[in-house]
PDB file of N, CA and C in Angstrom:
ATOM      1  N   MET A   1      87.204  96.913  79.141  1.00  0.00           N
ATOM      2  CA  MET A   1      88.407  97.073  79.950  1.00  0.00           C
ATOM      3  C   MET A   1      88.295  96.169  81.181  1.00  0.00           C
ATOM      4  N   PRO A   2      89.418  95.563  81.577  1.00  0.00           N
ATOM      5  CA  PRO A   2      89.380  94.703  82.754  1.00  0.00           C
ATOM      6  C   PRO A   2      89.168  95.517  84.033  1.00  0.00           C
ATOM      7  N   THR A   3      88.793  94.829  85.089  1.00  0.00           N
ATOM      8  CA  THR A   3      88.679  95.489  86.388  1.00  0.00           C
ATOM      9  C   THR A   3      90.074  95.535  87.018  1.00  0.00           C
ATOM     10  N   PRO A   4      90.295  96.459  87.942  1.00  0.00           N
ATOM     11  CA  PRO A   4      91.605  96.486  88.609  1.00  0.00           C
ATOM     12  C   PRO A   4      91.943  95.143  89.263  1.00  0.00           C
ATOM     13  N   GLU A   5      90.963  94.530  89.914  1.00  0.00           N
ATOM     14  CA  GLU A   5      91.205  93.269  90.609  1.00  0.00           C
ATOM     15  C   GLU A   5      91.583  92.130  89.662  1.00  0.00           C
ATOM     16  N   SER A   6      91.149  92.211  88.416  1.00  0.00           N
ATOM     17  CA  SER A   6      91.462  91.139  87.465  1.00  0.00           C
ATOM     18  C   SER A   6      92.944  91.116  87.089  1.00  0.00           C
ATOM     19  N   LEU A   7      93.671  92.186  87.383  1.00  0.00           N
ATOM     20  CA  LEU A   7      95.101  92.240  87.059  1.00  0.00           C
ATOM     21  C   LEU A   7      95.986  91.853  88.248  1.00  0.00           C
ATOM     22  N   LEU A   8      95.350  91.495  89.358  1.00  0.00           N
ATOM     23  CA  LEU A   8      96.104  91.152  90.564  1.00  0.00           C
ATOM     24  C   LEU A   8      96.373  89.658  90.625  1.00  0.00           C
ATOM     25  N   PRO A   9      97.425  89.237  91.278  1.00  0.00           N
ATOM     26  CA  PRO A   9      98.451  90.060  91.900  1.00  0.00           C
ATOM     27  C   PRO A   9      99.392  90.644  90.851  1.00  0.00           C
ATOM     28  N   LEU A  10      99.882  91.829  91.117  1.00  0.00           N
ATOM     29  CA  LEU A  10     100.848  92.464  90.219  1.00  0.00           C
ATOM     30  C   LEU A  10     102.235  91.889  90.472  1.00  0.00           C
ATOM     31  N   PRO A  11     103.031  91.767  89.432  1.00  0.00           N
ATOM     32  CA  PRO A  11     104.437  91.431  89.664  1.00  0.00           C
ATOM     33  C   PRO A  11     105.070  92.549  90.498  1.00  0.00           C
ATOM     34  N   PRO A  12     105.993  92.219  91.391  1.00  0.00           N
ATOM     35  CA  PRO A  12     106.596  93.251  92.234  1.00  0.00           C
ATOM     36  C   PRO A  12     107.169  94.432  91.451  1.00  0.00           C
ATOM     37  N   ALA A  13     107.846  94.184  90.338  1.00  0.00           N
ATOM     38  CA  ALA A  13     108.420  95.291  89.565  1.00  0.00           C
ATOM     39  C   ALA A  13     107.327  96.235  89.077  1.00  0.00           C
ATOM     40  N   ALA A  14     106.209  95.690  88.635  1.00  0.00           N
ATOM     41  CA  ALA A  14     105.108  96.523  88.151  1.00  0.00           C
ATOM     42  C   ALA A  14     104.548  97.379  89.276  1.00  0.00           C
ATOM     43  N   PHE A  15     104.361  96.795  90.459  1.00  0.00           N
ATOM     44  CA  PHE A  15     103.841  97.559  91.585  1.00  0.00           C
ATOM     45  C   PHE A  15     104.806  98.675  91.968  1.00  0.00           C
ATOM     46  N   HIS A  16     106.086  98.385  92.028  1.00  0.00           N
ATOM     47  CA  HIS A  16     107.068  99.417  92.377  1.00  0.00           C
ATOM     48  C   HIS A  16     107.067 100.556  91.353  1.00  0.00           C
ATOM     49  N   ILE A  17     106.937 100.233  90.085  1.00  0.00           N
ATOM     50  CA  ILE A  17     106.895 101.279  89.051  1.00  0.00           C
ATOM     51  C   ILE A  17     105.652 102.133  89.219  1.00  0.00           C
ATOM     52  N   LEU A  18     104.496 101.513  89.460  1.00  0.00           N
ATOM     53  CA  LEU A  18     103.265 102.287  89.659  1.00  0.00           C
ATOM     54  C   LEU A  18     103.375 103.179  90.891  1.00  0.00           C
ATOM     55  N   VAL A  19     103.958 102.668  91.970  1.00  0.00           N
ATOM     56  CA  VAL A  19     104.147 103.484  93.173  1.00  0.00           C
ATOM     57  C   VAL A  19     105.067 104.660  92.859  1.00  0.00           C
ATOM     58  N   SER A  20     106.124 104.418  92.112  1.00  0.00           N
ATOM     59  CA  SER A  20     107.058 105.483  91.759  1.00  0.00           C
ATOM     60  C   SER A  20     106.369 106.583  90.947  1.00  0.00           C
ATOM     61  N   LEU A  21     105.476 106.181  90.055  1.00  0.00           N
ATOM     62  CA  LEU A  21     104.795 107.161  89.195  1.00  0.00           C
ATOM     63  C   LEU A  21     103.562 107.771  89.857  1.00  0.00           C
ATOM     64  N   ALA A  22     103.172 107.275  91.022  1.00  0.00           N
ATOM     65  CA  ALA A  22     101.954 107.765  91.674  1.00  0.00           C
ATOM     66  C   ALA A  22     102.069 109.220  92.100  1.00  0.00           C
ATOM     67  N   ASP A  23     103.291 109.668  92.417  1.00  0.00           N
ATOM     68  CA  ASP A  23     103.418 111.047  92.881  1.00  0.00           C
ATOM     69  C   ASP A  23     104.161 111.968  91.929  1.00  0.00           C
ATOM     70  N   ASP A  24     104.668 111.428  90.808  1.00  0.00           N
ATOM     71  CA  ASP A  24     105.369 112.295  89.857  1.00  0.00           C
ATOM     72  C   ASP A  24     105.606 111.549  88.548  1.00  0.00           C
ATOM     73  N   ASP A  25     105.635 112.297  87.453  1.00  0.00           N
ATOM     74  CA  ASP A  25     106.024 111.737  86.165  1.00  0.00           C
ATOM     75  C   ASP A  25     107.535 111.527  86.203  1.00  0.00           C
ATOM     76  N   ARG A  26     107.992 110.448  85.574  1.00  0.00           N
ATOM     77  CA  ARG A  26     109.427 110.162  85.609  1.00  0.00           C
ATOM     78  C   ARG A  26     109.866 109.487  84.318  1.00  0.00           C
ATOM     79  N   HIS A  27     111.154 109.589  84.025  1.00  0.00           N
ATOM     80  CA  HIS A  27     111.754 108.813  82.944  1.00  0.00           C
ATOM     81  C   HIS A  27     112.327 107.537  83.559  1.00  0.00           C
ATOM     82  N   GLY A  28     112.742 106.617  82.718  1.00  0.00           N
ATOM     83  CA  GLY A  28     113.153 105.293  83.180  1.00  0.00           C
ATOM     84  C   GLY A  28     114.216 105.294  84.257  1.00  0.00           C
ATOM     85  N   TYR A  29     115.305 106.016  84.029  1.00  0.00           N
ATOM     86  CA  TYR A  29     116.379 106.012  85.015  1.00  0.00           C
ATOM     87  C   TYR A  29     115.908 106.623  86.327  1.00  0.00           C
ATOM     88  N   ALA A  30     115.074 107.650  86.262  1.00  0.00           N
ATOM     89  CA  ALA A  30     114.538 108.261  87.488  1.00  0.00           C
ATOM     90  C   ALA A  30     113.643 107.272  88.240  1.00  0.00           C
ATOM     91  N   ILE A  31     112.929 106.413  87.507  1.00  0.00           N
ATOM     92  CA  ILE A  31     112.117 105.376  88.157  1.00  0.00           C
ATOM     93  C   ILE A  31     113.028 104.417  88.919  1.00  0.00           C
ATOM     94  N   ILE A  32     114.114 103.978  88.281  1.00  0.00           N
ATOM     95  CA  ILE A  32     115.069 103.078  88.932  1.00  0.00           C
ATOM     96  C   ILE A  32     115.608 103.720  90.212  1.00  0.00           C
ATOM     97  N   GLN A  33     116.008 104.980  90.122  1.00  0.00           N
ATOM     98  CA  GLN A  33     116.561 105.685  91.286  1.00  0.00           C
ATOM     99  C   GLN A  33     115.520 105.838  92.388  1.00  0.00           C
ATOM    100  N   ASP A  34     114.281 106.170  92.014  1.00  0.00           N
ATOM    101  CA  ASP A  34     113.225 106.370  93.000  1.00  0.00           C
ATOM    102  C   ASP A  34     112.911 105.069  93.737  1.00  0.00           C
ATOM    103  N   ILE A  35     112.826 103.972  93.012  1.00  0.00           N
ATOM    104  CA  ILE A  35     112.532 102.682  93.642  1.00  0.00           C
ATOM    105  C   ILE A  35     113.662 102.304  94.599  1.00  0.00           C
ATOM    106  N   ALA A  36     114.888 102.485  94.180  1.00  0.00           N
ATOM    107  CA  ALA A  36     116.015 102.173  95.061  1.00  0.00           C
ATOM    108  C   ALA A  36     115.968 103.039  96.322  1.00  0.00           C
ATOM    109  N   ALA A  37     115.664 104.322  96.176  1.00  0.00           N
ATOM    110  CA  ALA A  37     115.602 105.225  97.330  1.00  0.00           C
ATOM    111  C   ALA A  37     114.450 104.859  98.257  1.00  0.00           C
ATOM    112  N   ARG A  38     113.280 104.570  97.695  1.00  0.00           N
ATOM    113  CA  ARG A  38     112.108 104.229  98.519  1.00  0.00           C
ATOM    114  C   ARG A  38     112.315 102.939  99.306  1.00  0.00           C
ATOM    115  N   THR A  39     113.120 102.035  98.764  1.00  0.00           N
ATOM    116  CA  THR A  39     113.302 100.724  99.395  1.00  0.00           C
ATOM    117  C   THR A  39     114.661 100.588 100.081  1.00  0.00           C
ATOM    118  N   ASN A  40     115.367 101.707 100.239  1.00  0.00           N
ATOM    119  CA  ASN A  40     116.725 101.664 100.824  1.00  0.00           C
ATOM    120  C   ASN A  40     117.595 100.633 100.109  1.00  0.00           C
ATOM    121  N   ASP A  41     117.513 100.635  98.796  1.00  0.00           N
ATOM    122  CA  ASP A  41     118.282  99.739  97.920  1.00  0.00           C
ATOM    123  C   ASP A  41     117.937  98.261  98.067  1.00  0.00           C
ATOM    124  N   ALA A  42     116.818  97.952  98.730  1.00  0.00           N
ATOM    125  CA  ALA A  42     116.389  96.555  98.835  1.00  0.00           C
ATOM    126  C   ALA A  42     115.858  96.058  97.487  1.00  0.00           C
ATOM    127  N   VAL A  43     115.327  96.980  96.675  1.00  0.00           N
ATOM    128  CA  VAL A  43     114.827  96.628  95.340  1.00  0.00           C
ATOM    129  C   VAL A  43     115.605  97.453  94.327  1.00  0.00           C
ATOM    130  N   THR A  44     116.269  96.769  93.432  1.00  0.00           N
ATOM    131  CA  THR A  44     116.966  97.440  92.344  1.00  0.00           C
ATOM    132  C   THR A  44     116.526  96.791  91.041  1.00  0.00           C
ATOM    133  N   LEU A  45     115.990  97.597  90.158  1.00  0.00           N
ATOM    134  CA  LEU A  45     115.553  97.098  88.860  1.00  0.00           C
ATOM    135  C   LEU A  45     116.646  97.341  87.839  1.00  0.00           C
ATOM    136  N   GLY A  46     116.960  96.326  87.072  1.00  0.00           N
ATOM    137  CA  GLY A  46     117.875  96.499  85.954  1.00  0.00           C
ATOM    138  C   GLY A  46     117.125  97.060  84.760  1.00  0.00           C
ATOM    139  N   PRO A  47     117.845  97.589  83.791  1.00  0.00           N
ATOM    140  CA  PRO A  47     117.194  98.177  82.619  1.00  0.00           C
ATOM    141  C   PRO A  47     116.277  97.199  81.872  1.00  0.00           C
ATOM    142  N   ALA A  48     116.690  95.951  81.727  1.00  0.00           N
ATOM    143  CA  ALA A  48     115.855  94.994  80.984  1.00  0.00           C
ATOM    144  C   ALA A  48     114.524  94.771  81.691  1.00  0.00           C
ATOM    145  N   THR A  49     114.573  94.554  83.002  1.00  0.00           N
ATOM    146  CA  THR A  49     113.333  94.361  83.769  1.00  0.00           C
ATOM    147  C   THR A  49     112.483  95.616  83.713  1.00  0.00           C
ATOM    148  N   LEU A  50     113.115  96.774  83.893  1.00  0.00           N
ATOM    149  CA  LEU A  50     112.372  98.038  83.875  1.00  0.00           C
ATOM    150  C   LEU A  50     111.629  98.215  82.557  1.00  0.00           C
ATOM    151  N   TYR A  51     112.334  98.134  81.444  1.00  0.00           N
ATOM    152  CA  TYR A  51     111.693  98.457  80.167  1.00  0.00           C
ATOM    153  C   TYR A  51     110.731  97.369  79.695  1.00  0.00           C
ATOM    154  N   ARG A  52     110.994  96.123  80.053  1.00  0.00           N
ATOM    155  CA  ARG A  52     110.032  95.053  79.745  1.00  0.00           C
ATOM    156  C   ARG A  52     108.737  95.293  80.534  1.00  0.00           C
ATOM    157  N   THR A  53     108.877  95.663  81.804  1.00  0.00           N
ATOM    158  CA  THR A  53     107.707  95.928  82.643  1.00  0.00           C
ATOM    159  C   THR A  53     106.991  97.186  82.193  1.00  0.00           C
ATOM    160  N   ILE A  54     107.730  98.231  81.856  1.00  0.00           N
ATOM    161  CA  ILE A  54     107.102  99.457  81.342  1.00  0.00           C
ATOM    162  C   ILE A  54     106.276  99.134  80.100  1.00  0.00           C
ATOM    163  N   GLN A  55     106.806  98.332  79.200  1.00  0.00           N
ATOM    164  CA  GLN A  55     106.057  97.993  77.983  1.00  0.00           C
ATOM    165  C   GLN A  55     104.764  97.263  78.334  1.00  0.00           C
ATOM    166  N   ARG A  56     104.813  96.354  79.305  1.00  0.00           N
ATOM    167  CA  ARG A  56     103.619  95.632  79.729  1.00  0.00           C
ATOM    168  C   ARG A  56     102.600  96.608  80.338  1.00  0.00           C
ATOM    169  N   LEU A  57     103.081  97.537  81.168  1.00  0.00           N
ATOM    170  CA  LEU A  57     102.184  98.525  81.783  1.00  0.00           C
ATOM    171  C   LEU A  57     101.574  99.454  80.740  1.00  0.00           C
ATOM    172  N   LEU A  58     102.339  99.803  79.719  1.00  0.00           N
ATOM    173  CA  LEU A  58     101.791 100.611  78.615  1.00  0.00           C
ATOM    174  C   LEU A  58     100.711  99.825  77.881  1.00  0.00           C
ATOM    175  N   ASP A  59     100.987  98.554  77.590  1.00  0.00           N
ATOM    176  CA  ASP A  59     100.018  97.706  76.878  1.00  0.00           C
ATOM    177  C   ASP A  59      98.728  97.545  77.672  1.00  0.00           C
ATOM    178  N   GLN A  60      98.835  97.494  78.998  1.00  0.00           N
ATOM    179  CA  GLN A  60      97.659  97.331  79.860  1.00  0.00           C
ATOM    180  C   GLN A  60      96.989  98.671  80.180  1.00  0.00           C
ATOM    181  N   GLU A  61      97.568  99.758  79.671  1.00  0.00           N
ATOM    182  CA  GLU A  61      97.065 101.115  79.887  1.00  0.00           C
ATOM    183  C   GLU A  61      97.085 101.520  81.361  1.00  0.00           C
ATOM    184  N   LEU A  62      98.082 101.015  82.077  1.00  0.00           N
ATOM    185  CA  LEU A  62      98.269 101.403  83.473  1.00  0.00           C
ATOM    186  C   LEU A  62      99.155 102.644  83.570  1.00  0.00           C
ATOM    187  N   ILE A  63      99.995 102.844  82.562  1.00  0.00           N
ATOM    188  CA  ILE A  63     100.800 104.052  82.448  1.00  0.00           C
ATOM    189  C   ILE A  63     100.724 104.524  81.010  1.00  0.00           C
ATOM    190  N   GLU A  64     101.164 105.760  80.794  1.00  0.00           N
ATOM    191  CA  GLU A  64     101.212 106.299  79.437  1.00  0.00           C
ATOM    192  C   GLU A  64     102.501 107.081  79.267  1.00  0.00           C
ATOM    193  N   GLU A  65     102.984 107.111  78.041  1.00  0.00           N
ATOM    194  CA  GLU A  65     104.130 107.949  77.739  1.00  0.00           C
ATOM    195  C   GLU A  65     103.607 109.362  77.519  1.00  0.00           C
ATOM    196  N   ILE A  66     104.312 110.344  78.041  1.00  0.00           N
ATOM    197  CA  ILE A  66     103.843 111.722  77.922  1.00  0.00           C
ATOM    198  C   ILE A  66     104.828 112.531  77.089  1.00  0.00           C
ATOM    199  N   SER A  67     104.322 113.590  76.497  1.00  0.00           N
ATOM    200  CA  SER A  67     105.167 114.423  75.650  1.00  0.00           C
ATOM    201  C   SER A  67     105.732 115.624  76.387  1.00  0.00           C
ATOM    202  N   GLU A  68     105.150 115.991  77.545  1.00  0.00           N
ATOM    203  CA  GLU A  68     105.675 117.128  78.294  1.00  0.00           C
ATOM    204  C   GLU A  68     107.090 116.807  78.763  1.00  0.00           C
ATOM    205  N   ARG A  69     107.942 117.802  78.673  1.00  0.00           N
ATOM    206  CA  ARG A  69     109.347 117.594  79.025  1.00  0.00           C
ATOM    207  C   ARG A  69     109.827 118.758  79.883  1.00  0.00           C
ATOM    208  N   PRO A  70     110.861 118.512  80.697  1.00  0.00           N
ATOM    209  CA  PRO A  70     111.434 119.612  81.463  1.00  0.00           C
ATOM    210  C   PRO A  70     112.191 120.578  80.547  1.00  0.00           C
ATOM    211  N   ALA A  71     112.703 121.629  81.133  1.00  0.00           N
ATOM    212  CA  ALA A  71     113.490 122.604  80.368  1.00  0.00           C
ATOM    213  C   ALA A  71     114.641 121.882  79.673  1.00  0.00           C
ATOM    214  N   PRO A  72     114.980 122.311  78.451  1.00  0.00           N
ATOM    215  CA  PRO A  72     116.025 121.611  77.675  1.00  0.00           C
ATOM    216  C   PRO A  72     117.337 121.411  78.430  1.00  0.00           C
ATOM    217  N   GLU A  73     117.730 122.381  79.259  1.00  0.00           N
ATOM    218  CA  GLU A  73     119.003 122.225  79.983  1.00  0.00           C
ATOM    219  C   GLU A  73     118.922 121.152  81.066  1.00  0.00           C
ATOM    220  N   LEU A  74     117.715 120.726  81.425  1.00  0.00           N
ATOM    221  CA  LEU A  74     117.516 119.679  82.427  1.00  0.00           C
ATOM    222  C   LEU A  74     117.141 118.340  81.805  1.00  0.00           C
ATOM    223  N   ASP A  75     117.112 118.285  80.487  1.00  0.00           N
ATOM    224  CA  ASP A  75     116.562 117.116  79.798  1.00  0.00           C
ATOM    225  C   ASP A  75     117.580 116.503  78.857  1.00  0.00           C
ATOM    226  N   ASP A  76     117.316 115.263  78.514  1.00  0.00           N
ATOM    227  CA  ASP A  76     118.053 114.544  77.485  1.00  0.00           C
ATOM    228  C   ASP A  76     116.980 114.058  76.520  1.00  0.00           C
ATOM    229  N   GLN A  77     117.083 114.432  75.262  1.00  0.00           N
ATOM    230  CA  GLN A  77     116.037 114.123  74.279  1.00  0.00           C
ATOM    231  C   GLN A  77     115.789 112.627  74.110  1.00  0.00           C
ATOM    232  N   ARG A  78     116.732 111.790  74.534  1.00  0.00           N
ATOM    233  CA  ARG A  78     116.544 110.334  74.408  1.00  0.00           C
ATOM    234  C   ARG A  78     115.600 109.784  75.464  1.00  0.00           C
ATOM    235  N   ARG A  79     115.370 110.547  76.516  1.00  0.00           N
ATOM    236  CA  ARG A  79     114.529 110.063  77.606  1.00  0.00           C
ATOM    237  C   ARG A  79     113.060 110.028  77.203  1.00  0.00           C
ATOM    238  N   ARG A  80     112.386 109.012  77.708  1.00  0.00           N
ATOM    239  CA  ARG A  80     110.936 108.920  77.575  1.00  0.00           C
ATOM    240  C   ARG A  80     110.353 109.084  78.968  1.00  0.00           C
ATOM    241  N   TYR A  81     109.306 109.874  79.057  1.00  0.00           N
ATOM    242  CA  TYR A  81     108.682 110.156  80.353  1.00  0.00           C
ATOM    243  C   TYR A  81     107.344 109.429  80.444  1.00  0.00           C
ATOM    244  N   TYR A  82     107.030 108.966  81.654  1.00  0.00           N
ATOM    245  CA  TYR A  82     105.835 108.164  81.879  1.00  0.00           C
ATOM    246  C   TYR A  82     104.997 108.755  82.999  1.00  0.00           C
ATOM    247  N   ARG A  83     103.691 108.489  82.912  1.00  0.00           N
ATOM    248  CA  ARG A  83     102.712 108.948  83.901  1.00  0.00           C
ATOM    249  C   ARG A  83     101.752 107.804  84.175  1.00  0.00           C
ATOM    250  N   ILE A  84     101.359 107.660  85.437  1.00  0.00           N
ATOM    251  CA  ILE A  84     100.353 106.665  85.792  1.00  0.00           C
ATOM    252  C   ILE A  84      98.993 107.146  85.281  1.00  0.00           C
ATOM    253  N   THR A  85      98.167 106.228  84.801  1.00  0.00           N
ATOM    254  CA  THR A  85      96.819 106.567  84.348  1.00  0.00           C
ATOM    255  C   THR A  85      95.836 106.420  85.509  1.00  0.00           C
ATOM    256  N   THR A  86      94.632 106.895  85.300  1.00  0.00           N
ATOM    257  CA  THR A  86      93.595 106.723  86.319  1.00  0.00           C
ATOM    258  C   THR A  86      93.375 105.243  86.601  1.00  0.00           C
ATOM    259  N   PHE A  87      93.337 104.444  85.537  1.00  0.00           N
ATOM    260  CA  PHE A  87      93.174 103.001  85.709  1.00  0.00           C
ATOM    261  C   PHE A  87      94.385 102.403  86.432  1.00  0.00           C
ATOM    262  N   GLY A  88      95.581 102.856  86.092  1.00  0.00           N
ATOM    263  CA  GLY A  88      96.783 102.385  86.762  1.00  0.00           C
ATOM    264  C   GLY A  88      96.766 102.696  88.247  1.00  0.00           C
ATOM    265  N   ARG A  89      96.265 103.877  88.592  1.00  0.00           N
ATOM    266  CA  ARG A  89      96.156 104.258  90.005  1.00  0.00           C
ATOM    267  C   ARG A  89      95.168 103.336  90.720  1.00  0.00           C
ATOM    268  N   ALA A  90      94.064 103.002  90.059  1.00  0.00           N
ATOM    269  CA  ALA A  90      93.066 102.100  90.654  1.00  0.00           C
ATOM    270  C   ALA A  90      93.662 100.702  90.859  1.00  0.00           C
ATOM    271  N   VAL A  91      94.448 100.238  89.900  1.00  0.00           N
ATOM    272  CA  VAL A  91      95.095  98.926  90.024  1.00  0.00           C
ATOM    273  C   VAL A  91      96.118  98.951  91.157  1.00  0.00           C
ATOM    274  N   ALA A  92      96.905 100.022  91.247  1.00  0.00           N
ATOM    275  CA  ALA A  92      97.896 100.124  92.329  1.00  0.00           C
ATOM    276  C   ALA A  92      97.208 100.156  93.691  1.00  0.00           C
ATOM    277  N   ARG A  93      96.088 100.873  93.797  1.00  0.00           N
ATOM    278  CA  ARG A  93      95.342 100.906  95.060  1.00  0.00           C
ATOM    279  C   ARG A  93      94.814  99.517  95.418  1.00  0.00           C
ATOM    280  N   ALA A  94      94.297  98.811  94.422  1.00  0.00           N
ATOM    281  CA  ALA A  94      93.769  97.463  94.660  1.00  0.00           C
ATOM    282  C   ALA A  94      94.894  96.523  95.113  1.00  0.00           C
ATOM    283  N   GLU A  95      96.064  96.649  94.501  1.00  0.00           N
ATOM    284  CA  GLU A  95      97.202  95.812  94.896  1.00  0.00           C
ATOM    285  C   GLU A  95      97.659  96.174  96.306  1.00  0.00           C
ATOM    286  N   ALA A  96      97.703  97.450  96.644  1.00  0.00           N
ATOM    287  CA  ALA A  96      98.092  97.871  97.989  1.00  0.00           C
ATOM    288  C   ALA A  96      97.106  97.307  99.024  1.00  0.00           C
ATOM    289  N   ALA A  97      95.818  97.341  98.703  1.00  0.00           N
ATOM    290  CA  ALA A  97      94.810  96.792  99.618  1.00  0.00           C
ATOM    291  C   ALA A  97      94.983  95.280  99.766  1.00  0.00           C
ATOM    292  N   ARG A  98      95.290  94.595  98.668  1.00  0.00           N
ATOM    293  CA  ARG A  98      95.516  93.145  98.713  1.00  0.00           C
ATOM    294  C   ARG A  98      96.718  92.831  99.603  1.00  0.00           C
ATOM    295  N   LEU A  99      97.791  93.591  99.434  1.00  0.00           N
ATOM    296  CA  LEU A  99      98.987  93.367 100.246  1.00  0.00           C
ATOM    297  C   LEU A  99      98.728  93.688 101.715  1.00  0.00           C
ATOM    298  N   ALA A 100      97.982  94.740 101.990  1.00  0.00           N
ATOM    299  CA  ALA A 100      97.643  95.091 103.373  1.00  0.00           C
ATOM    300  C   ALA A 100      96.842  93.965 104.030  1.00  0.00           C
ATOM    301  N   GLU A 101      95.948  93.358 103.271  1.00  0.00           N
ATOM    302  CA  GLU A 101      95.157  92.239 103.805  1.00  0.00           C
ATOM    303  C   GLU A 101      96.055  91.041 104.106  1.00  0.00           C
ATOM    304  N   LEU A 102      97.037  90.777 103.248  1.00  0.00           N
ATOM    305  CA  LEU A 102      97.979  89.692 103.519  1.00  0.00           C
ATOM    306  C   LEU A 102      98.770  89.956 104.800  1.00  0.00           C
ATOM    307  N   VAL A 103      99.190  91.197 105.001  1.00  0.00           N
ATOM    308  CA  VAL A 103      99.905  91.550 106.226  1.00  0.00           C
ATOM    309  C   VAL A 103      98.987  91.377 107.427  1.00  0.00           C
ATOM    310  N   ARG A 104      97.729  91.774 107.299  1.00  0.00           N
ATOM    311  CA  ARG A 104      96.766  91.621 108.396  1.00  0.00           C
ATOM    312  C   ARG A 104      96.625  90.144 108.766  1.00  0.00           C
ATOM    313  N   LEU A 105      96.497  89.286 107.756  1.00  0.00           N
ATOM    314  CA  LEU A 105      96.373  87.853 108.009  1.00  0.00           C
ATOM    315  C   LEU A 105      97.631  87.290 108.670  1.00  0.00           C
ATOM    316  N   ALA A 106      98.805  87.711 108.217  1.00  0.00           N
ATOM    317  CA  ALA A 106     100.058  87.250 108.806  1.00  0.00           C
ATOM    318  C   ALA A 106     100.168  87.710 110.258  1.00  0.00           C
ATOM    319  N   ARG A 107      99.754  88.928 110.524  1.00  0.00           N
ATOM    320  CA  ARG A 107      99.792  89.457 111.887  1.00  0.00           C
ATOM    321  C   ARG A 107      98.822  88.676 112.777  1.00  0.00           C
ATOM    322  N   ALA A 108      97.630  88.394 112.266  1.00  0.00           N
ATOM    323  CA  ALA A 108      96.623  87.671 113.046  1.00  0.00           C
ATOM    324  C   ALA A 108      97.083  86.254 113.374  1.00  0.00           C
ATOM    325  N   SER A 109      97.895  85.671 112.515  1.00  0.00           N
ATOM    326  CA  SER A 109      98.368  84.310 112.767  1.00  0.00           C
ATOM    327  C   SER A 109      99.668  84.273 113.567  1.00  0.00           C
ATOM    328  N   GLY A 110     100.175  85.438 113.963  1.00  0.00           N
ATOM    329  CA  GLY A 110     101.379  85.500 114.769  1.00  0.00           C
ATOM    330  C   GLY A 110     102.678  85.508 113.988  1.00  0.00           C
ATOM    331  N   LEU A 111     102.611  85.542 112.665  1.00  0.00           N
ATOM    332  CA  LEU A 111     103.835  85.582 111.878  1.00  0.00           C
ATOM    333  C   LEU A 111     104.528  86.934 111.948  1.00  0.00           C
ATOM    334  N   ILE A 112     103.762  87.981 112.194  1.00  0.00           N
ATOM    335  CA  ILE A 112     104.284  89.335 112.344  1.00  0.00           C
ATOM    336  C   ILE A 112     103.803  89.835 113.703  1.00  0.00           C
ATOM    337  N   PRO A 113     104.674  90.431 114.490  1.00  0.00           N
ATOM    338  CA  PRO A 113     104.234  90.942 115.797  1.00  0.00           C
ATOM    339  C   PRO A 113     103.102  91.953 115.633  1.00  0.00           C
ATOM    340  N   LYS A 114     102.184  91.920 116.581  1.00  0.00           N
ATOM    341  CA  LYS A 114     101.092  92.887 116.582  1.00  0.00           C
ATOM    342  C   LYS A 114     101.654  94.269 116.891  1.00  0.00           C
ATOM    343  N   LYS A 115     101.009  95.285 116.307  1.00  0.00           N
ATOM    344  CA  LYS A 115     101.460  96.664 116.545  1.00  0.00           C
ATOM    345  C   LYS A 115     101.296  97.004 118.012  1.00  0.00           C
ATOM    346  N   ALA A 116     102.220  97.793 118.528  1.00  0.00           N
ATOM    347  CA  ALA A 116     102.177  98.181 119.951  1.00  0.00           C
ATOM    348  C   ALA A 116     101.095  99.206 120.203  1.00  0.00           C
TER     349      ALA A 116
END
């Protein structure tokens, strides 16, 4: 299995999906809604990008499809639900650390104001 760092940098859509799944299992449309809400609509994933990226994350074993479902009155049988894997969480953490380091470097060079 590859190391988390070997998969970096992550495409932005992949990172947003992993962040969305970090705190809850979700189906595709719920992932789209969560990403839009977390980013104040700055990031909106279309269905093609979402499902192409989900397939890549499944292939890399960063997420998995799960069989647990909500109560039938709250569910649509066509939905597929996804969960981040332990490896996916490690990759997301590594990407977050990489991005934090980039922000630190930008701040040190004066591109971003220093924190008050």
